[in-house]
Amino acid sequence: MARADERAGSAIDGSQHIYVGELGERYRELDPAKRYTLMCASGMRATVAAGWVAGQGIGNLDVCFGSMDAGQSGTWLIPN
């Protein structure tokens, strides 16, 4: 959900990047059978995006609060 500049310094290996502003066009790339953790700089965009994505039938979602750096530590995951 992060902007490209936010993700550049803290991308997680193997992660998929979809900016929240592109979700309407790209959500079909997500496999409803997989689990996804949504991240942005603070967690606000990820929360909004999680609600929207869930409305599209993709419900196995987590939101990472506290920034992408916090998510890499594994301590700020909040299951939706």
N, C-alpha and C. Protein backbone atom coordinates (compact mmCIF):
# COMPACT_ATOMS: atom_id res chain seq x y z
N MET A 1 0.81 -1.18 0.00
CA MET A 1 0.00 0.00 0.00
C MET A 1 0.86 1.25 0.00
N ALA A 2 2.12 1.06 0.25
CA ALA A 2 3.04 2.20 0.37
C ALA A 2 3.37 2.80 -0.99
N ARG A 3 3.76 4.07 -0.93
CA ARG A 3 4.29 4.70 -2.15
C ARG A 3 5.64 4.06 -2.47
N ALA A 4 6.05 4.17 -3.70
CA ALA A 4 7.32 3.58 -4.13
C ALA A 4 8.49 4.12 -3.32
N ASP A 5 8.48 5.42 -3.00
CA ASP A 5 9.59 5.99 -2.23
C ASP A 5 9.62 5.47 -0.80
N GLU A 6 8.46 5.17 -0.22
CA GLU A 6 8.41 4.60 1.13
C GLU A 6 8.94 3.17 1.12
N ARG A 7 8.60 2.45 0.10
CA ARG A 7 8.97 1.04 0.01
C ARG A 7 10.44 0.86 -0.33
N ALA A 8 11.02 1.80 -1.06
CA ALA A 8 12.38 1.66 -1.57
C ALA A 8 13.39 1.31 -0.49
N GLY A 9 13.29 1.93 0.66
CA GLY A 9 14.27 1.71 1.71
C GLY A 9 13.96 0.56 2.63
N SER A 10 12.76 -0.02 2.52
CA SER A 10 12.41 -1.06 3.49
C SER A 10 11.60 -2.20 2.89
N ALA A 11 11.78 -2.46 1.60
CA ALA A 11 11.05 -3.55 0.95
C ALA A 11 11.46 -4.89 1.56
N ILE A 12 10.50 -5.76 1.69
CA ILE A 12 10.74 -7.10 2.22
C ILE A 12 10.96 -8.03 1.04
N ASP A 13 12.03 -8.81 1.08
CA ASP A 13 12.34 -9.73 -0.01
C ASP A 13 11.13 -10.62 -0.31
N GLY A 14 10.80 -10.72 -1.59
CA GLY A 14 9.69 -11.56 -2.01
C GLY A 14 8.32 -10.92 -1.89
N SER A 15 8.28 -9.68 -1.42
CA SER A 15 6.98 -9.03 -1.25
C SER A 15 6.46 -8.50 -2.58
N GLN A 16 5.17 -8.31 -2.62
CA GLN A 16 4.50 -7.77 -3.80
C GLN A 16 4.08 -6.35 -3.47
N HIS A 17 4.36 -5.41 -4.35
CA HIS A 17 4.02 -4.01 -4.11
C HIS A 17 2.84 -3.59 -4.96
N ILE A 18 1.77 -3.19 -4.30
CA ILE A 18 0.62 -2.57 -4.98
C ILE A 18 0.29 -1.31 -4.20
N TYR A 19 0.49 -0.16 -4.82
CA TYR A 19 0.16 1.11 -4.18
C TYR A 19 -1.36 1.19 -4.01
N VAL A 20 -1.82 1.74 -2.91
CA VAL A 20 -3.24 1.81 -2.61
C VAL A 20 -4.03 2.49 -3.73
N GLY A 21 -3.43 3.45 -4.39
CA GLY A 21 -4.10 4.14 -5.48
C GLY A 21 -4.27 3.28 -6.73
N GLU A 22 -3.61 2.14 -6.78
CA GLU A 22 -3.71 1.22 -7.91
C GLU A 22 -4.58 0.01 -7.62
N LEU A 23 -5.13 -0.08 -6.42
CA LEU A 23 -5.88 -1.28 -6.03
C LEU A 23 -7.06 -1.57 -6.95
N GLY A 24 -7.77 -0.54 -7.37
CA GLY A 24 -8.93 -0.75 -8.22
C GLY A 24 -8.60 -1.47 -9.51
N GLU A 25 -7.38 -1.29 -9.99
CA GLU A 25 -6.94 -1.94 -11.21
C GLU A 25 -6.19 -3.24 -10.95
N ARG A 26 -5.53 -3.35 -9.81
CA ARG A 26 -4.60 -4.47 -9.60
C ARG A 26 -5.03 -5.51 -8.57
N TYR A 27 -6.15 -5.33 -7.89
CA TYR A 27 -6.51 -6.28 -6.84
C TYR A 27 -6.71 -7.69 -7.38
N ARG A 28 -7.01 -7.81 -8.67
CA ARG A 28 -7.21 -9.14 -9.26
C ARG A 28 -5.92 -9.96 -9.31
N GLU A 29 -4.79 -9.30 -9.09
CA GLU A 29 -3.51 -10.02 -9.02
C GLU A 29 -3.39 -10.82 -7.72
N LEU A 30 -4.21 -10.54 -6.74
CA LEU A 30 -4.16 -11.20 -5.45
C LEU A 30 -4.94 -12.51 -5.49
N ASP A 31 -4.36 -13.54 -4.92
CA ASP A 31 -4.97 -14.86 -4.86
C ASP A 31 -5.79 -14.96 -3.58
N PRO A 32 -7.12 -15.12 -3.67
CA PRO A 32 -7.96 -15.19 -2.46
C PRO A 32 -7.57 -16.32 -1.51
N ALA A 33 -6.84 -17.31 -1.98
CA ALA A 33 -6.45 -18.44 -1.13
C ALA A 33 -5.20 -18.14 -0.29
N LYS A 34 -4.50 -17.05 -0.61
CA LYS A 34 -3.28 -16.71 0.12
C LYS A 34 -3.56 -15.70 1.22
N ARG A 35 -2.62 -15.62 2.16
CA ARG A 35 -2.68 -14.64 3.24
C ARG A 35 -1.79 -13.45 2.85
N TYR A 36 -2.27 -12.25 3.12
CA TYR A 36 -1.54 -11.03 2.79
C TYR A 36 -1.41 -10.14 4.02
N THR A 37 -0.25 -9.50 4.14
CA THR A 37 -0.03 -8.48 5.15
C THR A 37 0.11 -7.16 4.42
N LEU A 38 -0.77 -6.21 4.74
CA LEU A 38 -0.76 -4.90 4.09
C LEU A 38 0.02 -3.92 4.95
N MET A 39 0.93 -3.18 4.29
CA MET A 39 1.80 -2.24 5.00
C MET A 39 1.83 -0.91 4.27
N CYS A 40 2.01 0.15 5.03
CA CYS A 40 2.29 1.48 4.49
C CYS A 40 3.17 2.18 5.52
N ALA A 41 3.32 3.46 5.42
CA ALA A 41 4.21 4.16 6.35
C ALA A 41 3.69 4.16 7.78
N SER A 42 2.38 4.28 7.97
CA SER A 42 1.84 4.36 9.34
C SER A 42 0.82 3.28 9.67
N GLY A 43 0.21 2.69 8.66
CA GLY A 43 -0.85 1.71 8.87
C GLY A 43 -2.23 2.22 8.46
N MET A 44 -2.35 3.53 8.25
CA MET A 44 -3.65 4.11 7.90
C MET A 44 -4.12 3.69 6.51
N ARG A 45 -3.28 3.84 5.51
CA ARG A 45 -3.66 3.43 4.15
C ARG A 45 -3.87 1.93 4.09
N ALA A 46 -3.04 1.19 4.80
CA ALA A 46 -3.17 -0.27 4.80
C ALA A 46 -4.51 -0.68 5.40
N THR A 47 -4.98 0.01 6.43
CA THR A 47 -6.27 -0.29 7.05
C THR A 47 -7.41 -0.03 6.08
N VAL A 48 -7.38 1.12 5.43
CA VAL A 48 -8.42 1.44 4.45
C VAL A 48 -8.39 0.42 3.31
N ALA A 49 -7.20 0.11 2.83
CA ALA A 49 -7.06 -0.85 1.74
C ALA A 49 -7.55 -2.23 2.14
N ALA A 50 -7.29 -2.65 3.36
CA ALA A 50 -7.73 -3.97 3.82
C ALA A 50 -9.25 -4.07 3.78
N GLY A 51 -9.94 -3.02 4.21
CA GLY A 51 -11.39 -3.03 4.14
C GLY A 51 -11.89 -3.13 2.72
N TRP A 52 -11.27 -2.42 1.82
CA TRP A 52 -11.68 -2.44 0.42
C TRP A 52 -11.39 -3.80 -0.20
N VAL A 53 -10.18 -4.33 0.03
CA VAL A 53 -9.80 -5.62 -0.54
C VAL A 53 -10.71 -6.72 0.01
N ALA A 54 -11.02 -6.68 1.29
CA ALA A 54 -11.93 -7.67 1.87
C ALA A 54 -13.29 -7.62 1.18
N GLY A 55 -13.73 -6.43 0.83
CA GLY A 55 -14.99 -6.28 0.13
C GLY A 55 -14.98 -6.88 -1.27
N GLN A 56 -13.79 -7.14 -1.79
CA GLN A 56 -13.66 -7.77 -3.10
C GLN A 56 -13.53 -9.29 -2.99
N GLY A 57 -13.68 -9.81 -1.77
CA GLY A 57 -13.65 -11.25 -1.56
C GLY A 57 -12.30 -11.83 -1.18
N ILE A 58 -11.36 -10.97 -0.84
CA ILE A 58 -10.03 -11.44 -0.41
C ILE A 58 -9.93 -11.11 1.07
N GLY A 59 -10.16 -12.10 1.92
CA GLY A 59 -10.33 -11.81 3.33
C GLY A 59 -9.24 -12.28 4.25
N ASN A 60 -8.23 -12.96 3.76
CA ASN A 60 -7.18 -13.47 4.62
C ASN A 60 -6.07 -12.41 4.72
N LEU A 61 -6.36 -11.35 5.50
CA LEU A 61 -5.53 -10.15 5.51
C LEU A 61 -5.07 -9.79 6.92
N ASP A 62 -3.88 -9.24 6.99
CA ASP A 62 -3.37 -8.62 8.20
C ASP A 62 -2.96 -7.20 7.83
N VAL A 63 -2.98 -6.31 8.82
CA VAL A 63 -2.52 -4.94 8.64
C VAL A 63 -1.34 -4.73 9.58
N CYS A 64 -0.28 -4.13 9.07
CA CYS A 64 0.90 -3.84 9.87
C CYS A 64 0.87 -2.37 10.29
N PHE A 65 0.77 -2.13 11.59
CA PHE A 65 0.80 -0.77 12.11
C PHE A 65 2.21 -0.41 12.56
N GLY A 66 2.53 0.86 12.51
CA GLY A 66 3.80 1.32 13.05
C GLY A 66 4.88 1.55 12.03
N SER A 67 4.60 1.36 10.77
CA SER A 67 5.48 1.60 9.64
C SER A 67 6.01 0.29 9.07
N MET A 68 6.53 0.39 7.88
CA MET A 68 7.09 -0.80 7.23
C MET A 68 8.29 -1.33 7.99
N ASP A 69 9.08 -0.45 8.58
CA ASP A 69 10.23 -0.91 9.37
C ASP A 69 9.77 -1.74 10.56
N ALA A 70 8.70 -1.32 11.22
CA ALA A 70 8.17 -2.08 12.34
C ALA A 70 7.69 -3.45 11.89
N GLY A 71 7.11 -3.50 10.71
CA GLY A 71 6.63 -4.77 10.18
C GLY A 71 7.74 -5.76 9.95
N GLN A 72 8.88 -5.28 9.55
CA GLN A 72 10.00 -6.18 9.35
C GLN A 72 10.46 -6.82 10.65
N SER A 73 10.22 -6.15 11.75
CA SER A 73 10.60 -6.72 13.04
C SER A 73 9.61 -7.78 13.49
N GLY A 74 8.43 -7.80 12.87
CA GLY A 74 7.42 -8.80 13.21
C GLY A 74 6.65 -8.51 14.47
N THR A 75 6.76 -7.30 15.01
CA THR A 75 6.14 -7.02 16.30
C THR A 75 4.85 -6.20 16.20
N TRP A 76 4.47 -5.74 15.02
CA TRP A 76 3.35 -4.83 14.91
C TRP A 76 2.23 -5.34 14.02
N LEU A 77 2.13 -6.65 13.82
CA LEU A 77 1.07 -7.18 12.97
C LEU A 77 -0.23 -7.25 13.75
N ILE A 78 -1.26 -6.70 13.18
CA ILE A 78 -2.59 -6.71 13.79
C ILE A 78 -3.53 -7.46 12.86
N PRO A 79 -3.95 -8.69 13.22
CA PRO A 79 -4.86 -9.42 12.34
C PRO A 79 -6.15 -8.65 12.15
N ASN A 80 -6.66 -8.65 10.93
CA ASN A 80 -7.94 -8.02 10.61
C ASN A 80 -9.06 -8.96 10.94
